Protein backbone atom coordinates (compact mmCIF):
# COMPACT_ATOMS: atom_id res chain seq x y z
CA UNK A 1 95.63 27.70 69.17
CA UNK A 2 95.71 31.02 68.79
CA UNK A 3 98.52 31.99 68.75
CA UNK A 4 100.49 35.18 71.54
CA UNK A 5 103.43 36.26 69.11
CA UNK A 6 101.24 39.11 66.87
CA UNK A 7 100.34 40.59 70.67
CA UNK A 8 103.43 41.23 72.04
CA UNK A 9 105.37 44.89 71.34
CA UNK A 10 108.83 45.97 71.33
CA UNK A 11 109.24 47.63 73.90
CA UNK A 12 111.68 51.53 73.99
CA UNK A 13 114.35 50.97 73.17
CA UNK A 14 117.35 52.74 75.80
CA UNK A 15 117.84 55.11 72.85
CA UNK A 16 114.38 56.09 72.02
CA UNK A 17 114.12 56.58 75.88
CA UNK A 18 116.33 59.22 75.83
CA UNK A 19 114.86 61.17 72.82
CA UNK A 20 111.71 61.39 74.18
CA UNK A 21 113.00 62.80 78.05
CA UNK A 22 115.79 64.79 76.28
CA UNK A 23 113.00 66.65 74.24
CA UNK A 24 110.10 66.11 77.28
CA UNK A 25 113.22 68.86 78.77
CA UNK A 26 114.01 70.77 75.40
CA UNK A 27 109.53 71.98 75.39
CA UNK A 28 110.14 72.84 79.77
CA UNK A 29 112.89 74.86 79.07
CA UNK A 30 111.42 76.58 76.53
CA UNK A 31 107.82 77.01 78.20
CA UNK A 32 110.02 77.60 82.19
CA UNK A 33 110.18 81.30 80.62
CA UNK A 34 106.71 81.59 79.36
CA UNK A 35 105.44 80.51 82.85
CA UNK A 36 107.18 82.63 84.92
CA UNK A 37 106.92 85.85 82.68
CA UNK A 38 103.07 85.29 82.90
CA UNK A 39 103.47 84.73 87.42
CA UNK A 40 105.41 87.48 87.32
CA UNK A 41 102.11 89.83 85.82
CA UNK A 42 100.01 88.63 87.94
CA UNK A 43 101.97 89.34 90.53
CA UNK A 44 102.65 92.79 89.71
CA UNK A 45 99.45 92.99 89.57
CA UNK A 46 98.04 91.81 93.05
CA UNK A 47 100.58 94.42 94.57
CA UNK A 48 99.78 97.12 92.16
CA UNK A 49 96.07 96.32 93.13
CA UNK A 50 97.57 96.32 97.51
CA UNK A 51 98.27 99.73 96.58
CA UNK A 52 95.17 101.34 94.92
CA UNK A 53 93.32 99.68 98.04
CA UNK A 54 95.20 101.92 100.55
CA UNK A 55 94.97 105.17 97.41
CA UNK A 56 91.35 104.20 98.23
CA UNK A 57 92.14 104.68 102.10
CA UNK A 58 94.27 107.50 102.05
CA UNK A 59 91.02 109.72 100.01
CA UNK A 60 88.76 108.31 102.53
CA UNK A 61 90.49 108.85 105.53
CA UNK A 62 92.50 112.89 104.32
CA UNK A 63 87.79 114.09 103.44
CA UNK A 64 87.44 112.75 107.48
CA UNK A 65 91.10 113.99 108.76
CA UNK A 66 91.11 117.20 106.50
CA UNK A 67 94.83 116.03 106.17
CA UNK A 68 96.74 112.68 105.41
CA UNK A 69 96.98 109.64 107.77
CA UNK A 70 100.29 110.44 109.66
CA UNK A 71 103.34 108.50 108.49
CA UNK A 72 104.75 108.13 111.64
CA UNK A 73 103.61 109.23 114.86
CA UNK A 74 105.12 109.25 118.45
CA UNK A 75 103.98 111.42 121.81
CA UNK A 76 106.63 114.07 121.35
CA UNK A 77 104.87 115.63 118.79
CA UNK A 78 102.05 116.38 120.56
CA UNK A 79 102.88 119.13 123.57
CA UNK A 80 101.76 118.29 127.48
CA UNK A 81 101.75 114.55 126.13
CA UNK A 82 104.39 111.91 128.09
CA UNK A 83 107.74 111.75 126.27
CA UNK A 84 110.46 109.80 127.34
CA UNK A 85 112.69 112.24 125.97
CA UNK A 86 113.90 109.29 123.10
CA UNK A 87 112.03 107.71 120.53
CA UNK A 88 110.52 104.63 121.85
CA UNK A 89 106.92 106.31 122.42
CA UNK A 90 105.71 104.35 119.10
CA UNK A 91 101.72 105.72 117.62
CA UNK A 92 102.31 103.50 115.17
CA UNK A 93 102.22 104.25 110.99
CA UNK A 94 99.89 105.18 108.04
CA UNK A 95 99.50 102.15 107.50
CA UNK A 96 97.69 101.30 111.36
CA UNK A 97 95.86 104.36 110.59
CA UNK A 98 94.44 103.49 107.22
CA UNK A 99 93.08 99.99 109.42
CA UNK A 100 89.50 101.17 109.58
CA UNK A 101 88.95 101.68 106.16
CA UNK A 102 90.99 98.78 104.83
CA UNK A 103 88.46 96.69 106.91
CA UNK A 104 90.77 95.23 109.83
CA UNK A 105 88.45 97.37 112.63
CA UNK A 106 89.89 94.21 115.04
CA UNK A 107 93.49 95.00 115.03
CA UNK A 108 92.53 99.12 115.21
CA UNK A 109 90.81 98.21 117.88
CA UNK A 110 92.85 96.09 119.76
CA UNK A 111 95.92 98.70 118.95
CA UNK A 112 94.06 102.21 120.69
CA UNK A 113 93.14 99.89 123.10
CA UNK A 114 96.20 98.89 123.79
CA UNK A 115 95.34 94.97 123.97
CA UNK A 116 98.34 92.74 123.74
CA UNK A 117 96.38 90.04 122.06
CA UNK A 118 94.69 92.31 119.18
CA UNK A 119 98.15 93.91 118.68
CA UNK A 120 101.71 93.40 118.42
CA UNK A 121 104.87 94.54 121.06
CA UNK A 122 107.64 96.91 120.57
CA UNK A 123 111.29 94.87 120.00
CA UNK A 124 113.30 98.03 121.62
CA UNK A 125 111.03 97.26 124.85
CA UNK A 126 110.64 101.22 125.03
CA UNK A 127 106.33 101.68 125.86
CA UNK A 128 103.74 101.60 124.10
CA UNK A 129 100.84 104.42 124.59
CA UNK A 130 96.98 103.72 122.77
CA UNK A 131 95.68 105.82 120.71
CA UNK A 132 92.29 107.68 121.24
CA UNK A 133 89.10 106.91 118.57
CA UNK A 134 89.79 110.46 116.83
CA UNK A 135 92.99 108.57 115.36
CA UNK A 136 94.65 112.20 115.85
CA UNK A 137 95.76 112.78 119.03
CA UNK A 138 97.92 109.77 120.90
CA UNK A 139 96.65 109.64 124.97
CA UNK A 140 98.02 107.77 127.84
CA UNK A 141 97.16 104.15 127.64
CA UNK A 142 99.00 100.07 128.82
CA UNK A 143 102.07 99.51 127.49
CA UNK A 144 101.71 96.21 125.23
CA UNK A 145 103.09 93.77 125.65
CA UNK A 146 106.46 92.47 122.88
CA UNK A 147 103.89 89.02 123.31
CA UNK A 148 103.04 88.10 118.97
CA UNK A 149 105.43 90.69 118.41
CA UNK A 150 106.06 88.84 114.97
CA UNK A 151 102.85 88.68 113.94
CA UNK A 152 102.58 89.65 110.06
CA UNK A 153 101.11 92.29 108.09
CA UNK A 154 97.68 92.05 106.29
CA UNK A 155 98.33 90.19 103.10
CA UNK A 156 97.56 93.54 101.90
CA UNK A 157 101.01 94.88 103.05
CA UNK A 158 102.80 91.95 101.55
CA UNK A 159 103.47 92.17 97.20
CA UNK A 160 103.24 88.71 96.04
CA UNK A 161 106.60 89.09 94.05
CA UNK A 162 108.87 89.54 97.32
CA UNK A 163 110.22 86.32 97.94
CA UNK A 164 111.33 87.44 101.63
CA UNK A 165 109.39 85.43 104.12
CA UNK A 166 106.90 87.58 105.31
CA UNK A 167 105.01 84.75 107.88
CA UNK A 168 107.13 84.75 110.14
CA UNK A 169 108.39 88.65 110.44
CA UNK A 170 106.45 91.91 111.32
CA UNK A 171 107.94 93.98 107.69
CA UNK A 172 105.97 94.84 104.34
CA UNK A 173 106.31 96.21 100.84
CA UNK A 174 105.01 99.39 100.24
CA UNK A 175 106.28 103.28 102.02
CA UNK A 176 105.16 106.74 102.12
CA UNK A 177 106.65 108.15 100.20
CA UNK A 178 109.51 111.28 100.87
CA UNK A 179 109.58 112.05 97.63
CA UNK A 180 113.27 114.08 97.01
CA UNK A 181 113.98 114.70 100.78
CA UNK A 182 117.87 114.70 101.53
CA UNK A 183 119.26 111.50 103.19
CA UNK A 184 122.62 111.54 104.85
CA UNK A 185 123.82 108.45 105.42
CA UNK A 186 126.70 107.11 107.94
CA UNK A 187 128.67 106.22 105.89
CA UNK A 188 130.70 108.97 104.01
CA UNK A 189 128.79 108.19 100.71
CA UNK A 190 126.54 110.47 100.54
CA UNK A 191 125.67 109.67 96.90
CA UNK A 192 122.98 111.73 95.72
CA UNK A 193 122.58 113.96 98.37
CA UNK A 194 123.05 116.69 95.78
CA UNK A 195 120.12 116.47 94.29
CA UNK A 196 117.80 117.72 97.22
CA UNK A 197 120.16 120.46 97.01
CA UNK A 198 122.39 120.01 100.21
CA UNK A 199 125.05 120.63 97.84
CA UNK A 200 123.58 123.41 95.84
CA UNK A 201 125.22 121.99 92.49
CA UNK A 202 124.66 119.15 90.66
CA UNK A 203 127.89 117.91 89.75
CA UNK A 204 127.13 119.42 85.47
CA UNK A 205 125.70 122.39 86.91
CA UNK A 206 122.92 124.01 88.76
CA UNK A 207 120.59 122.01 90.59
CA UNK A 208 117.34 121.05 90.17
CA UNK A 209 114.83 124.10 90.12
CA UNK A 210 112.01 124.01 92.63
CA UNK A 211 114.13 121.35 94.97
CA UNK A 212 115.52 123.68 97.97
CA UNK A 213 117.90 121.38 101.07
CA UNK A 214 115.56 119.95 103.55
CA UNK A 215 116.29 118.48 107.11
CA UNK A 216 117.11 115.04 106.28
CA UNK A 217 115.25 111.65 107.07
CA UNK A 218 112.58 113.85 106.95
CA UNK A 219 112.93 114.65 110.78
CA UNK A 220 110.34 118.36 111.06
CA UNK A 221 106.72 118.64 112.27
CA UNK A 222 105.84 121.31 109.88
CA UNK A 223 104.68 119.82 106.67
CA UNK A 224 106.35 122.40 105.36
CA UNK A 225 109.58 121.33 105.21
CA UNK A 226 108.38 117.78 103.76
CA UNK A 227 108.99 117.24 99.91
CA UNK A 228 107.19 114.62 99.68
CA UNK A 229 104.01 113.33 100.82
CA UNK A 230 104.64 111.89 104.53
CA UNK A 231 107.66 111.63 106.47
CA UNK A 232 108.22 110.09 110.54
CA UNK A 233 106.77 112.32 112.87
CA UNK A 234 104.12 112.73 110.70
CA UNK A 235 103.71 116.26 109.41
CA UNK A 236 100.32 117.78 108.74
CA UNK A 237 100.42 117.21 104.70
CA UNK A 238 96.51 117.28 102.69
CA UNK A 239 95.92 116.47 99.53
CA UNK A 240 95.39 120.44 99.15
CA UNK A 241 98.63 120.59 100.16
CA UNK A 242 99.56 118.13 96.67
CA UNK A 243 100.14 121.84 94.82
CA UNK A 244 101.65 120.54 91.89
CA UNK A 245 98.84 117.95 90.65
CA UNK A 246 97.53 114.61 92.46
CA UNK A 247 98.11 112.34 88.98
CA UNK A 248 102.06 114.29 88.63
CA UNK A 249 103.15 113.17 92.25
CA UNK A 250 104.02 110.05 94.05
CA UNK A 251 102.18 109.74 97.62
CA UNK A 252 103.46 105.59 97.95
CA UNK A 253 105.50 103.12 96.73
CA UNK A 254 107.12 99.31 97.17
CA UNK A 255 109.82 98.81 98.92
CA UNK A 256 112.29 95.65 99.42
CA UNK A 257 112.18 95.29 103.35
CA UNK A 258 116.19 92.92 102.88
CA UNK A 259 117.97 96.34 101.90
CA UNK A 260 116.04 98.78 104.57
CA UNK A 261 117.43 98.82 107.64
CA UNK A 262 114.70 100.60 109.58
CA UNK A 263 112.00 98.20 107.62
CA UNK A 264 114.26 95.29 109.57
CA UNK A 265 114.95 96.56 112.57
CA UNK A 266 111.11 97.71 114.13
CA UNK A 267 107.25 96.22 112.33
CA UNK A 268 105.47 97.55 110.01
CA UNK A 269 103.32 100.00 112.69
CA UNK A 270 105.92 101.50 114.37
CA UNK A 271 107.34 104.89 113.90
CA UNK A 272 110.33 104.39 112.83
CA UNK A 273 110.03 101.88 110.40
CA UNK A 274 107.94 101.41 107.59
CA UNK A 275 106.29 104.42 107.98
CA UNK A 276 108.13 106.44 105.50
CA UNK A 277 111.52 106.08 105.71
CA UNK A 278 111.82 105.90 100.83
CA UNK A 279 112.24 109.02 98.94
CA UNK A 280 113.36 109.22 95.47
CA UNK A 281 116.98 110.63 95.80
CA UNK A 282 118.40 106.94 95.02
CA UNK A 283 116.93 105.53 92.03
CA UNK A 284 114.40 103.19 90.89
CA UNK A 285 115.76 99.60 92.35
CA UNK A 286 119.09 100.66 92.85
CA UNK A 287 121.32 97.81 94.35
CA UNK A 288 121.97 97.03 98.14
CA UNK A 289 124.26 94.26 98.58
CA UNK A 290 122.27 91.19 100.93
CA UNK A 291 123.36 90.07 103.14
CA UNK A 292 125.60 92.81 104.65
CA UNK A 293 129.32 92.06 104.55
CA UNK A 294 129.76 94.46 107.29
CA UNK A 295 129.71 97.79 108.24
CA UNK A 296 129.64 100.31 105.44
CA UNK A 297 130.39 97.32 103.52
CA UNK A 298 130.64 98.02 100.88
CA UNK A 299 129.87 102.00 101.62
CA UNK A 300 127.06 102.42 98.74
CA UNK A 301 125.69 99.50 98.57
CA UNK A 302 124.82 99.22 102.49
CA UNK A 303 121.17 98.78 103.87
CA UNK A 304 122.56 101.17 106.64
CA UNK A 305 123.96 103.38 104.60
CA UNK A 306 120.54 105.94 104.17
CA UNK A 307 121.65 108.07 101.14
CA UNK A 308 121.48 104.96 99.16
CA UNK A 309 118.97 101.87 101.03
CA UNK A 310 116.67 105.04 101.84
CA UNK A 311 115.13 104.27 98.17
CA UNK A 312 112.18 103.02 96.16
CA UNK A 313 112.75 99.75 95.18
CA UNK A 314 110.76 95.69 93.97
CA UNK A 315 111.24 92.53 93.02
CA UNK A 316 109.52 93.41 89.12
CA UNK A 317 112.68 93.68 86.86
CA UNK A 318 110.85 96.43 85.08
CA UNK A 319 110.65 99.59 87.95
CA UNK A 320 108.48 99.49 90.85
CA UNK A 321 104.67 100.04 91.24
CA UNK A 322 104.06 103.68 92.80
CA UNK A 323 101.01 105.17 94.12
CA UNK A 324 99.99 108.67 92.93
CA UNK A 325 97.49 111.72 94.80
CA UNK A 326 95.25 110.70 92.82
CA UNK A 327 94.62 107.15 94.47
CA UNK A 328 95.38 105.95 90.53
CA UNK A 329 99.10 103.29 91.03
CA UNK A 330 101.00 102.24 87.89
CA UNK A 331 105.05 100.54 87.23
CA UNK A 332 107.42 103.47 86.84
CA UNK A 333 110.23 102.44 84.68
CA UNK A 334 113.73 102.02 86.94
CA UNK A 335 115.43 104.35 84.03
CA UNK A 336 113.49 106.68 84.35
CA UNK A 337 115.07 110.13 83.83
CA UNK A 338 116.66 111.10 86.67
CA UNK A 339 115.15 114.90 87.31
CA UNK A 340 111.64 113.78 86.15
CA UNK A 341 111.80 111.25 89.06
CA UNK A 342 112.41 113.91 91.13
CA UNK A 343 110.24 115.91 89.86
CA UNK A 344 106.65 113.31 90.86
CA UNK A 345 108.42 113.19 94.65
CA UNK A 346 108.44 116.83 95.37
CA UNK A 347 104.27 118.01 96.06
CA UNK A 348 105.34 121.28 95.63
CA UNK A 349 108.13 121.98 93.05
CA UNK A 350 106.08 124.06 90.68
CA UNK A 351 107.49 121.55 87.64
CA UNK A 352 105.74 120.36 84.73
CA UNK A 353 106.01 117.08 84.76
CA UNK A 354 103.92 114.13 84.25
CA UNK A 355 103.60 110.29 85.77
CA UNK A 356 104.58 107.61 82.78
């Protein structure tokens, strides 16, 4: 008879088991930052690719229409068109006008024809109108329903690094650039207004050469009053108007919806929402308080203080992705020299700077 004692194996002791668990925990702690770093690098590349697609579409639109798409459009910008006297006559953002150039023809058709099933309604309940086929002039159409207004934006309008829940809301990660446009806020804390020439001088000397005063928030019908490439009232701006050179001018960039009151008031399609509500006056990734603590609290971090919130920011630790006028995309470091940043934002300051 063969005994079984030789085949028996001793079990782990409690101490040995704890040692093994500790080793595994240490290995996971060492590997986790590397995994997160790789994931962020992949997300940053996908985010840059989103902007790259939009850059190609913008050039195609400019070729077809002799101008860049309107950053935003409302009925009041066309003589003889219906106008309620308020800002309710939404005609869409540049994101809407690029739909057919980004393989979203069904959504564009639904928007143009006023079909509620093809495009979300407007939360404010104002009348909506269709856009005729040339994409240039609005025409009265059937008002939109407010049904399905939480329809999420196309995937290319969402940066994967942003932890915001895009699946249930209608906001997006990208805005057309106002450049160094004046941005007065309602809180009496206009920290960065001096850069646009509104005060005439810097705290330490003369203002930035070539950047003069401009209407706050880009509220102007003429492209001559817009320092960047877009505004929410649809001023006509062409690629040819970027006289500083397309490779040295910011055309669009990243934003974070939760840090910008207009981005979460209305959707990515609304002219007063995600069209052109970001400029270069606030530093890249300037910190905004979220959730809100109350009106203008604190004033220098409040998402409703447009002087500090209407800037470019992202979840990328180093900075944010930007689309330049030549269609290229670059990540600009949040510590960029401020003067250089303002000149990159302006399309006609005639100062010699290059994108990093």
